[in-house]
């Protein structure tokens, strides 16, 4: 078993350039725990928000250890322990979500209940980026009761959550219209949605595409435009959800979800096996834009923070 791990931490709140690495022992797994040698780390906006000076998490213990999802191989199992998908042996390829703390690391020990067998068809970078975006998308469709025959408007359709929303909505039998920049239209079409340019006149453009109306709206970007257009087009506010504009949701009476909310956390925990199965069958694709060596975590997060990575990013220890 790996005795020591290199881990990225933030010793104070700030921008990605405040991150630094430490070397620390890897805890031996006890009953119900698994140690993973990490092969890929999924990058998400939630990672840099964990340590942002003006982020959504003001009360934090130092040092802050970012990273919620990883993929790798089992290095050790606790006594009488199986992983969440059953079985498990040293050397098996796995993915883990939700990592409670410290996913930016070369090895870690965590509850076996958060570790699943990696489908052979899924690379380590894809597996490490599947579940945070995928479970967020699944919850958005669940709380808005999207079903076959619905027409769904997705704001930010070319982003990681947006792409997963498109794919999962299409699997449900829904029609999807997705907002994006014109440079991303092909990506939106690739996953089965009809692209529409955001910006002035968005409401009219969506109405022209869907003269019979919009049944539900999913906001992944949190802009005033997304809120205003959703409210104008969707009659039932219970069928509007945001992952990025909770204050607007509270003000206007529509739904907001987030991994820090108990109901969201429980749903996302339960939906993991289904999403892994879909990905293993090739029905849920995780587009990878770029991978970075483990030592370039700062550069990777700065690129992610730029807002247009064009797909998911992964760190490779």
C-alpha atoms as a PDB file:
ATOM      1  CA  UNK A   1       0.000   0.000   0.000  1.00  0.00           C
ATOM      2  CA  UNK A   2       1.139   3.566  -0.701  1.00  0.00           C
ATOM      3  CA  UNK A   3       2.590   4.957   2.538  1.00  0.00           C
ATOM      4  CA  UNK A   4       2.656   8.664   1.648  1.00  0.00           C
ATOM      5  CA  UNK A   5       0.601  10.935  -0.581  1.00  0.00           C
ATOM      6  CA  UNK A   6       1.167  14.323  -2.157  1.00  0.00           C
ATOM      7  CA  UNK A   7      -1.843  16.561  -1.591  1.00  0.00           C
ATOM      8  CA  UNK A   8      -2.816  20.052  -2.741  1.00  0.00           C
ATOM      9  CA  UNK A   9      -4.109  22.317   0.046  1.00  0.00           C
ATOM     10  CA  UNK A  10      -5.027  25.949   0.626  1.00  0.00           C
ATOM     11  CA  UNK A  11      -3.610  27.364   3.849  1.00  0.00           C
ATOM     12  CA  UNK A  12      -5.786  30.462   3.509  1.00  0.00           C
ATOM     13  CA  UNK A  13      -8.727  31.581   1.369  1.00  0.00           C
ATOM     14  CA  UNK A  14      -7.857  33.063  -2.001  1.00  0.00           C
ATOM     15  CA  UNK A  15      -7.383  32.412  -5.712  1.00  0.00           C
ATOM     16  CA  UNK A  16      -5.965  29.165  -7.134  1.00  0.00           C
ATOM     17  CA  UNK A  17      -2.395  30.476  -6.940  1.00  0.00           C
ATOM     18  CA  UNK A  18      -2.454  30.182  -3.135  1.00  0.00           C
ATOM     19  CA  UNK A  19      -2.538  26.375  -3.389  1.00  0.00           C
ATOM     20  CA  UNK A  20       0.511  24.447  -2.243  1.00  0.00           C
ATOM     21  CA  UNK A  21       1.440  20.780  -1.876  1.00  0.00           C
ATOM     22  CA  UNK A  22       2.261  18.758   1.210  1.00  0.00           C
ATOM     23  CA  UNK A  23       3.422  15.175   1.684  1.00  0.00           C
ATOM     24  CA  UNK A  24       1.511  13.237   4.328  1.00  0.00           C
ATOM     25  CA  UNK A  25       0.951   9.648   5.439  1.00  0.00           C
ATOM     26  CA  UNK A  26      -1.971   7.745   3.947  1.00  0.00           C
ATOM     27  CA  UNK A  27      -4.180   6.304   6.677  1.00  0.00           C
ATOM     28  CA  UNK A  28      -4.485   2.522   6.627  1.00  0.00           C
ATOM     29  CA  UNK A  29      -8.086   1.529   5.861  1.00  0.00           C
ATOM     30  CA  UNK A  30     -10.198   0.291   8.751  1.00  0.00           C
ATOM     31  CA  UNK A  31     -13.384  -1.762   8.454  1.00  0.00           C
ATOM     32  CA  UNK A  32     -15.659  -0.153   5.871  1.00  0.00           C
ATOM     33  CA  UNK A  33     -12.813   1.842   4.286  1.00  0.00           C
ATOM     34  CA  UNK A  34     -10.778   1.652   1.065  1.00  0.00           C
ATOM     35  CA  UNK A  35      -7.437   3.151   0.073  1.00  0.00           C
ATOM     36  CA  UNK A  36      -7.167   4.295  -3.544  1.00  0.00           C
ATOM     37  CA  UNK A  37      -4.067   5.058  -5.595  1.00  0.00           C
ATOM     38  CA  UNK A  38      -5.437   7.969  -7.619  1.00  0.00           C
ATOM     39  CA  UNK A  39      -5.072   7.902 -11.413  1.00  0.00           C
ATOM     40  CA  UNK A  40      -7.251  10.928 -12.239  1.00  0.00           C
ATOM     41  CA  UNK A  41      -8.914  13.769 -10.353  1.00  0.00           C
ATOM     42  CA  UNK A  42     -12.051  15.476 -11.628  1.00  0.00           C
ATOM     43  CA  UNK A  43     -12.034  19.283 -11.629  1.00  0.00           C
ATOM     44  CA  UNK A  44     -15.186  21.257 -10.867  1.00  0.00           C
ATOM     45  CA  UNK A  45     -16.004  24.912 -10.135  1.00  0.00           C
ATOM     46  CA  UNK A  46     -16.994  23.778  -6.648  1.00  0.00           C
ATOM     47  CA  UNK A  47     -13.307  23.010  -6.048  1.00  0.00           C
ATOM     48  CA  UNK A  48     -12.046  26.584  -6.242  1.00  0.00           C
ATOM     49  CA  UNK A  49     -15.193  27.879  -4.544  1.00  0.00           C
ATOM     50  CA  UNK A  50     -14.149  25.810  -1.514  1.00  0.00           C
ATOM     51  CA  UNK A  51     -11.243  28.149  -0.819  1.00  0.00           C
ATOM     52  CA  UNK A  52     -12.288  31.361  -2.602  1.00  0.00           C
ATOM     53  CA  UNK A  53     -11.948  34.436  -0.395  1.00  0.00           C
ATOM     54  CA  UNK A  54     -15.475  35.579  -1.253  1.00  0.00           C
ATOM     55  CA  UNK A  55     -16.891  32.132  -1.948  1.00  0.00           C
ATOM     56  CA  UNK A  56     -20.075  30.487  -0.682  1.00  0.00           C
ATOM     57  CA  UNK A  57     -18.332  28.721   2.222  1.00  0.00           C
ATOM     58  CA  UNK A  58     -17.248  31.434   4.683  1.00  0.00           C
ATOM     59  CA  UNK A  59     -16.703  29.169   7.714  1.00  0.00           C
ATOM     60  CA  UNK A  60     -13.876  26.767   6.874  1.00  0.00           C
ATOM     61  CA  UNK A  61     -11.266  24.875   8.825  1.00  0.00           C
ATOM     62  CA  UNK A  62      -7.706  25.391   7.612  1.00  0.00           C
ATOM     63  CA  UNK A  63      -6.031  23.984   5.666  1.00  0.00           C
ATOM     64  CA  UNK A  64      -8.715  23.629   2.993  1.00  0.00           C
ATOM     65  CA  UNK A  65      -8.474  20.438   0.938  1.00  0.00           C
ATOM     66  CA  UNK A  66     -10.256  20.734  -2.421  1.00  0.00           C
ATOM     67  CA  UNK A  67     -11.498  17.910  -4.616  1.00  0.00           C
ATOM     68  CA  UNK A  68     -14.726  15.917  -4.614  1.00  0.00           C
ATOM     69  CA  UNK A  69     -14.231  13.090  -7.125  1.00  0.00           C
ATOM     70  CA  UNK A  70     -11.415  10.774  -8.175  1.00  0.00           C
ATOM     71  CA  UNK A  71     -10.736   7.562 -10.071  1.00  0.00           C
ATOM     72  CA  UNK A  72      -7.943   5.095  -9.503  1.00  0.00           C
ATOM     73  CA  UNK A  73      -7.127   1.589  -8.331  1.00  0.00           C
ATOM     74  CA  UNK A  74      -7.672  -0.065  -4.978  1.00  0.00           C
ATOM     75  CA  UNK A  75      -4.458  -0.166  -2.945  1.00  0.00           C
ATOM     76  CA  UNK A  76      -5.941  -1.704   0.208  1.00  0.00           C
ATOM     77  CA  UNK A  77      -9.288  -2.619   1.784  1.00  0.00           C
ATOM     78  CA  UNK A  78     -10.267  -2.695   5.424  1.00  0.00           C
ATOM     79  CA  UNK A  79     -11.153  -5.978   7.051  1.00  0.00           C
ATOM     80  CA  UNK A  80     -14.403  -7.559   5.784  1.00  0.00           C
ATOM     81  CA  UNK A  81     -14.987  -4.619   3.453  1.00  0.00           C
ATOM     82  CA  UNK A  82     -16.702  -4.441   0.067  1.00  0.00           C
ATOM     83  CA  UNK A  83     -17.033  -1.378  -2.150  1.00  0.00           C
ATOM     84  CA  UNK A  84     -20.458   0.127  -2.838  1.00  0.00           C
ATOM     85  CA  UNK A  85     -20.959  -1.817  -6.073  1.00  0.00           C
ATOM     86  CA  UNK A  86     -19.972  -5.097  -4.400  1.00  0.00           C
ATOM     87  CA  UNK A  87     -16.738  -7.015  -4.030  1.00  0.00           C
ATOM     88  CA  UNK A  88     -13.491  -5.229  -4.641  1.00  0.00           C
ATOM     89  CA  UNK A  89      -9.867  -6.350  -4.590  1.00  0.00           C
ATOM     90  CA  UNK A  90      -6.448  -4.735  -4.637  1.00  0.00           C
ATOM     91  CA  UNK A  91      -5.717  -3.553  -8.178  1.00  0.00           C
ATOM     92  CA  UNK A  92      -9.367  -3.097  -9.186  1.00  0.00           C
ATOM     93  CA  UNK A  93     -10.188   0.098 -11.083  1.00  0.00           C
ATOM     94  CA  UNK A  94     -12.692   2.291  -9.236  1.00  0.00           C
ATOM     95  CA  UNK A  95     -14.202   5.764  -9.028  1.00  0.00           C
ATOM     96  CA  UNK A  96     -15.178   7.619  -5.879  1.00  0.00           C
ATOM     97  CA  UNK A  97     -17.755  10.334  -5.157  1.00  0.00           C
ATOM     98  CA  UNK A  98     -18.453  12.186  -2.982  1.00  0.00           C
ATOM     99  CA  UNK A  99     -14.978  12.574  -1.532  1.00  0.00           C
ATOM    100  CA  UNK A 100     -15.569  14.411   1.749  1.00  0.00           C
ATOM    101  CA  UNK A 101     -12.274  16.278   1.665  1.00  0.00           C
ATOM    102  CA  UNK A 102      -8.965  16.254  -0.152  1.00  0.00           C
ATOM    103  CA  UNK A 103      -9.511  14.745  -3.585  1.00  0.00           C
ATOM    104  CA  UNK A 104      -6.513  16.613  -5.031  1.00  0.00           C
ATOM    105  CA  UNK A 105      -4.122  13.914  -3.902  1.00  0.00           C
ATOM    106  CA  UNK A 106      -2.090  10.968  -5.147  1.00  0.00           C
ATOM    107  CA  UNK A 107      -3.690   8.518  -2.688  1.00  0.00           C
ATOM    108  CA  UNK A 108      -6.450   8.605  -0.087  1.00  0.00           C
ATOM    109  CA  UNK A 109      -8.478   6.457   2.288  1.00  0.00           C
ATOM    110  CA  UNK A 110     -12.234   6.946   2.288  1.00  0.00           C
ATOM    111  CA  UNK A 111     -15.506   5.136   3.060  1.00  0.00           C
ATOM    112  CA  UNK A 112     -16.088   2.092   0.864  1.00  0.00           C
ATOM    113  CA  UNK A 113     -19.715   3.225   0.506  1.00  0.00           C
ATOM    114  CA  UNK A 114     -18.488   6.010  -1.807  1.00  0.00           C
ATOM    115  CA  UNK A 115     -16.368   3.749  -4.038  1.00  0.00           C
ATOM    116  CA  UNK A 116     -17.693   1.996  -7.165  1.00  0.00           C
ATOM    117  CA  UNK A 117     -16.223  -0.289  -9.804  1.00  0.00           C
ATOM    118  CA  UNK A 118     -15.135   1.709 -12.850  1.00  0.00           C
ATOM    119  CA  UNK A 119     -16.731   0.536 -16.097  1.00  0.00           C
ATOM    120  CA  UNK A 120     -14.062  -0.819 -18.447  1.00  0.00           C
ATOM    121  CA  UNK A 121     -15.358   1.411 -21.229  1.00  0.00           C
ATOM    122  CA  UNK A 122     -14.642   4.553 -19.190  1.00  0.00           C
ATOM    123  CA  UNK A 123     -11.160   6.056 -18.993  1.00  0.00           C
ATOM    124  CA  UNK A 124      -9.862   7.296 -15.657  1.00  0.00           C
ATOM    125  CA  UNK A 125     -10.300  11.022 -16.563  1.00  0.00           C
ATOM    126  CA  UNK A 126     -13.899  10.394 -17.667  1.00  0.00           C
ATOM    127  CA  UNK A 127     -14.672   8.318 -14.581  1.00  0.00           C
ATOM    128  CA  UNK A 128     -13.226  11.012 -12.314  1.00  0.00           C
ATOM    129  CA  UNK A 129     -15.541  13.596 -13.882  1.00  0.00           C
ATOM    130  CA  UNK A 130     -18.782  11.627 -14.111  1.00  0.00           C
ATOM    131  CA  UNK A 131     -20.645  11.952 -10.861  1.00  0.00           C
ATOM    132  CA  UNK A 132     -20.587  15.531  -9.601  1.00  0.00           C
ATOM    133  CA  UNK A 133     -21.919  16.980 -12.853  1.00  0.00           C
ATOM    134  CA  UNK A 134     -24.015  13.899 -13.596  1.00  0.00           C
ATOM    135  CA  UNK A 135     -25.765  13.768 -10.240  1.00  0.00           C
ATOM    136  CA  UNK A 136     -26.406  17.519 -10.325  1.00  0.00           C
ATOM    137  CA  UNK A 137     -28.012  17.155 -13.744  1.00  0.00           C
ATOM    138  CA  UNK A 138     -30.072  14.162 -12.632  1.00  0.00           C
ATOM    139  CA  UNK A 139     -31.406  16.054  -9.637  1.00  0.00           C
ATOM    140  CA  UNK A 140     -32.309  19.083 -11.766  1.00  0.00           C
ATOM    141  CA  UNK A 141     -34.416  16.876 -14.027  1.00  0.00           C
ATOM    142  CA  UNK A 142     -35.940  15.065 -11.054  1.00  0.00           C
ATOM    143  CA  UNK A 143     -37.088  18.161  -9.158  1.00  0.00           C
ATOM    144  CA  UNK A 144     -38.618  19.629 -12.316  1.00  0.00           C
ATOM    145  CA  UNK A 145     -40.360  16.308 -13.112  1.00  0.00           C
ATOM    146  CA  UNK A 146     -39.084  16.159 -16.687  1.00  0.00           C
ATOM    147  CA  UNK A 147     -40.697  13.323 -18.614  1.00  0.00           C
ATOM    148  CA  UNK A 148     -41.225  12.037 -22.134  1.00  0.00           C
ATOM    149  CA  UNK A 149     -42.819  14.622 -24.387  1.00  0.00           C
ATOM    150  CA  UNK A 150     -41.643  17.640 -22.374  1.00  0.00           C
ATOM    151  CA  UNK A 151     -39.730  20.519 -23.933  1.00  0.00           C
ATOM    152  CA  UNK A 152     -36.884  21.619 -21.651  1.00  0.00           C
ATOM    153  CA  UNK A 153     -34.828  24.808 -21.817  1.00  0.00           C
ATOM    154  CA  UNK A 154     -31.264  24.410 -20.528  1.00  0.00           C
ATOM    155  CA  UNK A 155     -29.272  27.570 -19.820  1.00  0.00           C
ATOM    156  CA  UNK A 156     -25.549  26.932 -20.247  1.00  0.00           C
ATOM    157  CA  UNK A 157     -26.055  23.810 -22.330  1.00  0.00           C
ATOM    158  CA  UNK A 158     -22.417  23.425 -23.388  1.00  0.00           C
ATOM    159  CA  UNK A 159     -21.060  23.360 -19.830  1.00  0.00           C
ATOM    160  CA  UNK A 160     -20.366  20.169 -17.886  1.00  0.00           C
ATOM    161  CA  UNK A 161     -23.718  20.075 -16.085  1.00  0.00           C
ATOM    162  CA  UNK A 162     -25.565  21.310 -19.156  1.00  0.00           C
ATOM    163  CA  UNK A 163     -24.161  18.531 -21.343  1.00  0.00           C
ATOM    164  CA  UNK A 164     -25.208  15.941 -18.767  1.00  0.00           C
ATOM    165  CA  UNK A 165     -28.688  17.494 -18.471  1.00  0.00           C
ATOM    166  CA  UNK A 166     -29.096  17.265 -22.254  1.00  0.00           C
ATOM    167  CA  UNK A 167     -28.121  13.609 -22.412  1.00  0.00           C
ATOM    168  CA  UNK A 168     -30.242  12.547 -19.465  1.00  0.00           C
ATOM    169  CA  UNK A 169     -33.275  14.538 -20.641  1.00  0.00           C
ATOM    170  CA  UNK A 170     -33.042  12.985 -24.113  1.00  0.00           C
ATOM    171  CA  UNK A 171     -32.910   9.534 -22.505  1.00  0.00           C
ATOM    172  CA  UNK A 172     -36.158  10.434 -20.724  1.00  0.00           C
ATOM    173  CA  UNK A 173     -37.755  11.246 -24.062  1.00  0.00           C
ATOM    174  CA  UNK A 174     -37.730  15.023 -23.708  1.00  0.00           C
ATOM    175  CA  UNK A 175     -36.946  17.635 -26.329  1.00  0.00           C
ATOM    176  CA  UNK A 176     -34.103  19.944 -25.266  1.00  0.00           C
ATOM    177  CA  UNK A 177     -33.339  23.505 -26.317  1.00  0.00           C
ATOM    178  CA  UNK A 178     -29.984  24.678 -25.008  1.00  0.00           C
ATOM    179  CA  UNK A 179     -28.492  28.153 -24.731  1.00  0.00           C
ATOM    180  CA  UNK A 180     -24.840  28.535 -25.718  1.00  0.00           C
ATOM    181  CA  UNK A 181     -22.397  30.697 -27.595  1.00  0.00           C
ATOM    182  CA  UNK A 182     -22.428  30.043 -31.323  1.00  0.00           C
ATOM    183  CA  UNK A 183     -18.938  28.501 -31.126  1.00  0.00           C
ATOM    184  CA  UNK A 184     -20.482  25.739 -28.969  1.00  0.00           C
ATOM    185  CA  UNK A 185     -23.511  24.959 -31.128  1.00  0.00           C
ATOM    186  CA  UNK A 186     -22.007  21.794 -32.586  1.00  0.00           C
ATOM    187  CA  UNK A 187     -21.281  20.491 -29.080  1.00  0.00           C
ATOM    188  CA  UNK A 188     -24.900  21.111 -28.048  1.00  0.00           C
ATOM    189  CA  UNK A 189     -26.176  19.351 -31.174  1.00  0.00           C
ATOM    190  CA  UNK A 190     -23.765  16.455 -30.604  1.00  0.00           C
ATOM    191  CA  UNK A 191     -25.623  15.476 -27.453  1.00  0.00           C
ATOM    192  CA  UNK A 192     -29.115  15.825 -28.890  1.00  0.00           C
ATOM    193  CA  UNK A 193     -30.246  19.377 -28.125  1.00  0.00           C
ATOM    194  CA  UNK A 194     -31.221  22.295 -30.346  1.00  0.00           C
ATOM    195  CA  UNK A 195     -28.872  25.229 -29.736  1.00  0.00           C
ATOM    196  CA  UNK A 196     -29.989  28.832 -29.334  1.00  0.00           C
ATOM    197  CA  UNK A 197     -27.712  31.812 -28.797  1.00  0.00           C
ATOM    198  CA  UNK A 198     -27.921  33.505 -25.420  1.00  0.00           C
ATOM    199  CA  UNK A 199     -28.012  37.296 -25.263  1.00  0.00           C
ATOM    200  CA  UNK A 200     -30.503  39.976 -26.175  1.00  0.00           C
ATOM    201  CA  UNK A 201     -33.646  38.532 -27.761  1.00  0.00           C
ATOM    202  CA  UNK A 202     -33.229  35.078 -26.211  1.00  0.00           C
ATOM    203  CA  UNK A 203     -36.867  34.825 -25.150  1.00  0.00           C
ATOM    204  CA  UNK A 204     -38.103  35.523 -28.681  1.00  0.00           C
ATOM    205  CA  UNK A 205     -35.668  33.039 -30.199  1.00  0.00           C
ATOM    206  CA  UNK A 206     -36.813  30.301 -27.827  1.00  0.00           C
ATOM    207  CA  UNK A 207     -40.483  31.068 -28.506  1.00  0.00           C
ATOM    208  CA  UNK A 208     -39.804  30.752 -32.229  1.00  0.00           C
ATOM    209  CA  UNK A 209     -38.230  27.330 -31.682  1.00  0.00           C
ATOM    210  CA  UNK A 210     -40.971  26.165 -29.325  1.00  0.00           C
ATOM    211  CA  UNK A 211     -44.276  27.829 -30.270  1.00  0.00           C
ATOM    212  CA  UNK A 212     -46.157  25.304 -28.127  1.00  0.00           C
ATOM    213  CA  UNK A 213     -44.259  26.420 -25.035  1.00  0.00           C
ATOM    214  CA  UNK A 214     -41.519  25.359 -22.637  1.00  0.00           C
ATOM    215  CA  UNK A 215     -42.435  22.856 -19.926  1.00  0.00           C
ATOM    216  CA  UNK A 216     -39.365  23.143 -17.701  1.00  0.00           C
ATOM    217  CA  UNK A 217     -36.156  25.167 -17.412  1.00  0.00           C
ATOM    218  CA  UNK A 218     -32.777  24.274 -15.936  1.00  0.00           C
ATOM    219  CA  UNK A 219     -30.380  27.125 -15.157  1.00  0.00           C
ATOM    220  CA  UNK A 220     -26.726  26.131 -14.843  1.00  0.00           C
ATOM    221  CA  UNK A 221     -25.249  29.636 -15.224  1.00  0.00           C
ATOM    222  CA  UNK A 222     -27.008  31.858 -12.690  1.00  0.00           C
ATOM    223  CA  UNK A 223     -27.418  34.952 -14.877  1.00  0.00           C
ATOM    224  CA  UNK A 224     -30.261  37.447 -14.681  1.00  0.00           C
ATOM    225  CA  UNK A 225     -31.087  36.549 -18.279  1.00  0.00           C
ATOM    226  CA  UNK A 226     -31.524  32.887 -17.368  1.00  0.00           C
ATOM    227  CA  UNK A 227     -33.868  33.795 -14.521  1.00  0.00           C
ATOM    228  CA  UNK A 228     -35.909  36.290 -16.529  1.00  0.00           C
ATOM    229  CA  UNK A 229     -36.317  34.080 -19.597  1.00  0.00           C
ATOM    230  CA  UNK A 230     -37.216  31.020 -17.527  1.00  0.00           C
ATOM    231  CA  UNK A 231     -39.877  32.963 -15.639  1.00  0.00           C
ATOM    232  CA  UNK A 232     -41.272  34.351 -18.892  1.00  0.00           C
ATOM    233  CA  UNK A 233     -41.473  30.974 -20.632  1.00  0.00           C
ATOM    234  CA  UNK A 234     -42.382  28.435 -17.920  1.00  0.00           C
ATOM    235  CA  UNK A 235     -45.805  28.838 -16.319  1.00  0.00           C
ATOM    236  CA  UNK A 236     -45.224  26.519 -13.348  1.00  0.00           C
ATOM    237  CA  UNK A 237     -42.405  27.821 -11.142  1.00  0.00           C
ATOM    238  CA  UNK A 238     -42.026  24.370  -9.596  1.00  0.00           C
ATOM    239  CA  UNK A 239     -40.623  23.357 -12.987  1.00  0.00           C
ATOM    240  CA  UNK A 240     -37.817  25.929 -12.951  1.00  0.00           C
ATOM    241  CA  UNK A 241     -34.574  25.058 -11.167  1.00  0.00           C
ATOM    242  CA  UNK A 242     -31.195  26.732 -10.760  1.00  0.00           C
ATOM    243  CA  UNK A 243     -27.852  25.422  -9.566  1.00  0.00           C
ATOM    244  CA  UNK A 244     -26.248  28.883  -9.549  1.00  0.00           C
ATOM    245  CA  UNK A 245     -28.767  31.559  -8.514  1.00  0.00           C
ATOM    246  CA  UNK A 246     -30.240  30.600  -5.132  1.00  0.00           C
ATOM    247  CA  UNK A 247     -31.051  34.224  -4.156  1.00  0.00           C
ATOM    248  CA  UNK A 248     -33.084  34.678  -7.348  1.00  0.00           C
ATOM    249  CA  UNK A 249     -34.866  31.382  -6.717  1.00  0.00           C
ATOM    250  CA  UNK A 250     -35.835  32.523  -3.242  1.00  0.00           C
ATOM    251  CA  UNK A 251     -36.993  35.917  -4.497  1.00  0.00           C
ATOM    252  CA  UNK A 252     -39.105  34.575  -7.356  1.00  0.00           C
ATOM    253  CA  UNK A 253     -40.344  31.311  -5.886  1.00  0.00           C
ATOM    254  CA  UNK A 254     -38.626  28.704  -8.043  1.00  0.00           C
ATOM    255  CA  UNK A 255     -36.306  25.876  -7.046  1.00  0.00           C
ATOM    256  CA  UNK A 256     -32.606  25.865  -6.196  1.00  0.00           C
ATOM    257  CA  UNK A 257     -30.467  22.790  -5.607  1.00  0.00           C
ATOM    258  CA  UNK A 258     -26.915  22.362  -4.327  1.00  0.00           C
ATOM    259  CA  UNK A 259     -24.663  19.654  -2.989  1.00  0.00           C
ATOM    260  CA  UNK A 260     -24.524  21.360   0.416  1.00  0.00           C
ATOM    261  CA  UNK A 261     -28.296  20.959   0.868  1.00  0.00           C
ATOM    262  CA  UNK A 262     -29.405  17.769   2.674  1.00  0.00           C
ATOM    263  CA  UNK A 263     -32.072  16.823   0.118  1.00  0.00           C
ATOM    264  CA  UNK A 264     -29.650  17.343  -2.760  1.00  0.00           C
ATOM    265  CA  UNK A 265     -26.898  15.362  -1.067  1.00  0.00           C
ATOM    266  CA  UNK A 266     -29.220  12.420  -0.417  1.00  0.00           C
ATOM    267  CA  UNK A 267     -30.555  12.350  -3.989  1.00  0.00           C
ATOM    268  CA  UNK A 268     -27.071  12.527  -5.466  1.00  0.00           C
ATOM    269  CA  UNK A 269     -25.930   9.709  -3.220  1.00  0.00           C
ATOM    270  CA  UNK A 270     -28.757   7.443  -4.366  1.00  0.00           C
ATOM    271  CA  UNK A 271     -28.424   8.178  -8.090  1.00  0.00           C
ATOM    272  CA  UNK A 272     -24.736   7.220  -8.402  1.00  0.00           C
ATOM    273  CA  UNK A 273     -25.211   3.553  -9.466  1.00  0.00           C
ATOM    274  CA  UNK A 274     -27.646   4.499 -12.227  1.00  0.00           C
ATOM    275  CA  UNK A 275     -25.312   7.123 -13.684  1.00  0.00           C
ATOM    276  CA  UNK A 276     -22.342   4.747 -13.612  1.00  0.00           C
ATOM    277  CA  UNK A 277     -24.411   2.127 -15.422  1.00  0.00           C
ATOM    278  CA  UNK A 278     -25.471   4.629 -18.095  1.00  0.00           C
ATOM    279  CA  UNK A 279     -21.866   5.717 -18.616  1.00  0.00           C
ATOM    280  CA  UNK A 280     -20.735   2.102 -18.828  1.00  0.00           C
ATOM    281  CA  UNK A 281     -23.319   1.474 -21.547  1.00  0.00           C
ATOM    282  CA  UNK A 282     -22.151   4.512 -23.509  1.00  0.00           C
ATOM    283  CA  UNK A 283     -25.426   6.344 -22.925  1.00  0.00           C
ATOM    284  CA  UNK A 284     -23.872   9.097 -20.790  1.00  0.00           C
ATOM    285  CA  UNK A 285     -20.709  10.633 -22.232  1.00  0.00           C
ATOM    286  CA  UNK A 286     -18.212  12.739 -20.272  1.00  0.00           C
ATOM    287  CA  UNK A 287     -16.382  14.987 -22.770  1.00  0.00           C
ATOM    288  CA  UNK A 288     -12.802  15.658 -21.661  1.00  0.00           C
ATOM    289  CA  UNK A 289     -11.293  18.911 -22.914  1.00  0.00           C
ATOM    290  CA  UNK A 290      -7.836  18.582 -21.394  1.00  0.00           C
ATOM    291  CA  UNK A 291      -5.798  16.716 -18.821  1.00  0.00           C
ATOM    292  CA  UNK A 292      -3.037  18.256 -16.707  1.00  0.00           C
ATOM    293  CA  UNK A 293      -0.103  16.744 -14.833  1.00  0.00           C
ATOM    294  CA  UNK A 294      -0.750  16.677 -11.095  1.00  0.00           C
ATOM    295  CA  UNK A 295       1.798  19.430 -10.512  1.00  0.00           C
ATOM    296  CA  UNK A 296      -0.188  21.850 -12.698  1.00  0.00           C
ATOM    297  CA  UNK A 297      -3.298  22.044 -10.511  1.00  0.00           C
ATOM    298  CA  UNK A 298      -3.046  25.833 -10.264  1.00  0.00           C
ATOM    299  CA  UNK A 299      -2.911  26.257 -14.047  1.00  0.00           C
ATOM    300  CA  UNK A 300      -5.785  23.796 -14.478  1.00  0.00           C
ATOM    301  CA  UNK A 301      -8.014  25.640 -12.016  1.00  0.00           C
ATOM    302  CA  UNK A 302      -7.191  28.991 -13.568  1.00  0.00           C
ATOM    303  CA  UNK A 303      -8.225  27.600 -16.958  1.00  0.00           C
ATOM    304  CA  UNK A 304     -11.402  26.148 -15.451  1.00  0.00           C
ATOM    305  CA  UNK A 305     -12.164  29.478 -13.789  1.00  0.00           C
ATOM    306  CA  UNK A 306     -11.907  31.233 -17.171  1.00  0.00           C
ATOM    307  CA  UNK A 307     -15.382  29.828 -17.821  1.00  0.00           C
ATOM    308  CA  UNK A 308     -14.951  28.194 -21.229  1.00  0.00           C
ATOM    309  CA  UNK A 309     -12.901  25.007 -20.916  1.00  0.00           C
ATOM    310  CA  UNK A 310     -14.943  23.278 -23.641  1.00  0.00           C
ATOM    311  CA  UNK A 311     -15.363  20.091 -21.627  1.00  0.00           C
ATOM    312  CA  UNK A 312     -14.154  18.523 -18.401  1.00  0.00           C
ATOM    313  CA  UNK A 313     -10.620  18.779 -17.011  1.00  0.00           C
ATOM    314  CA  UNK A 314      -8.650  16.205 -15.065  1.00  0.00           C
ATOM    315  CA  UNK A 315      -5.460  16.175 -13.020  1.00  0.00           C
ATOM    316  CA  UNK A 316      -3.257  13.111 -13.554  1.00  0.00           C
ATOM    317  CA  UNK A 317      -1.018  12.164 -10.589  1.00  0.00           C
END
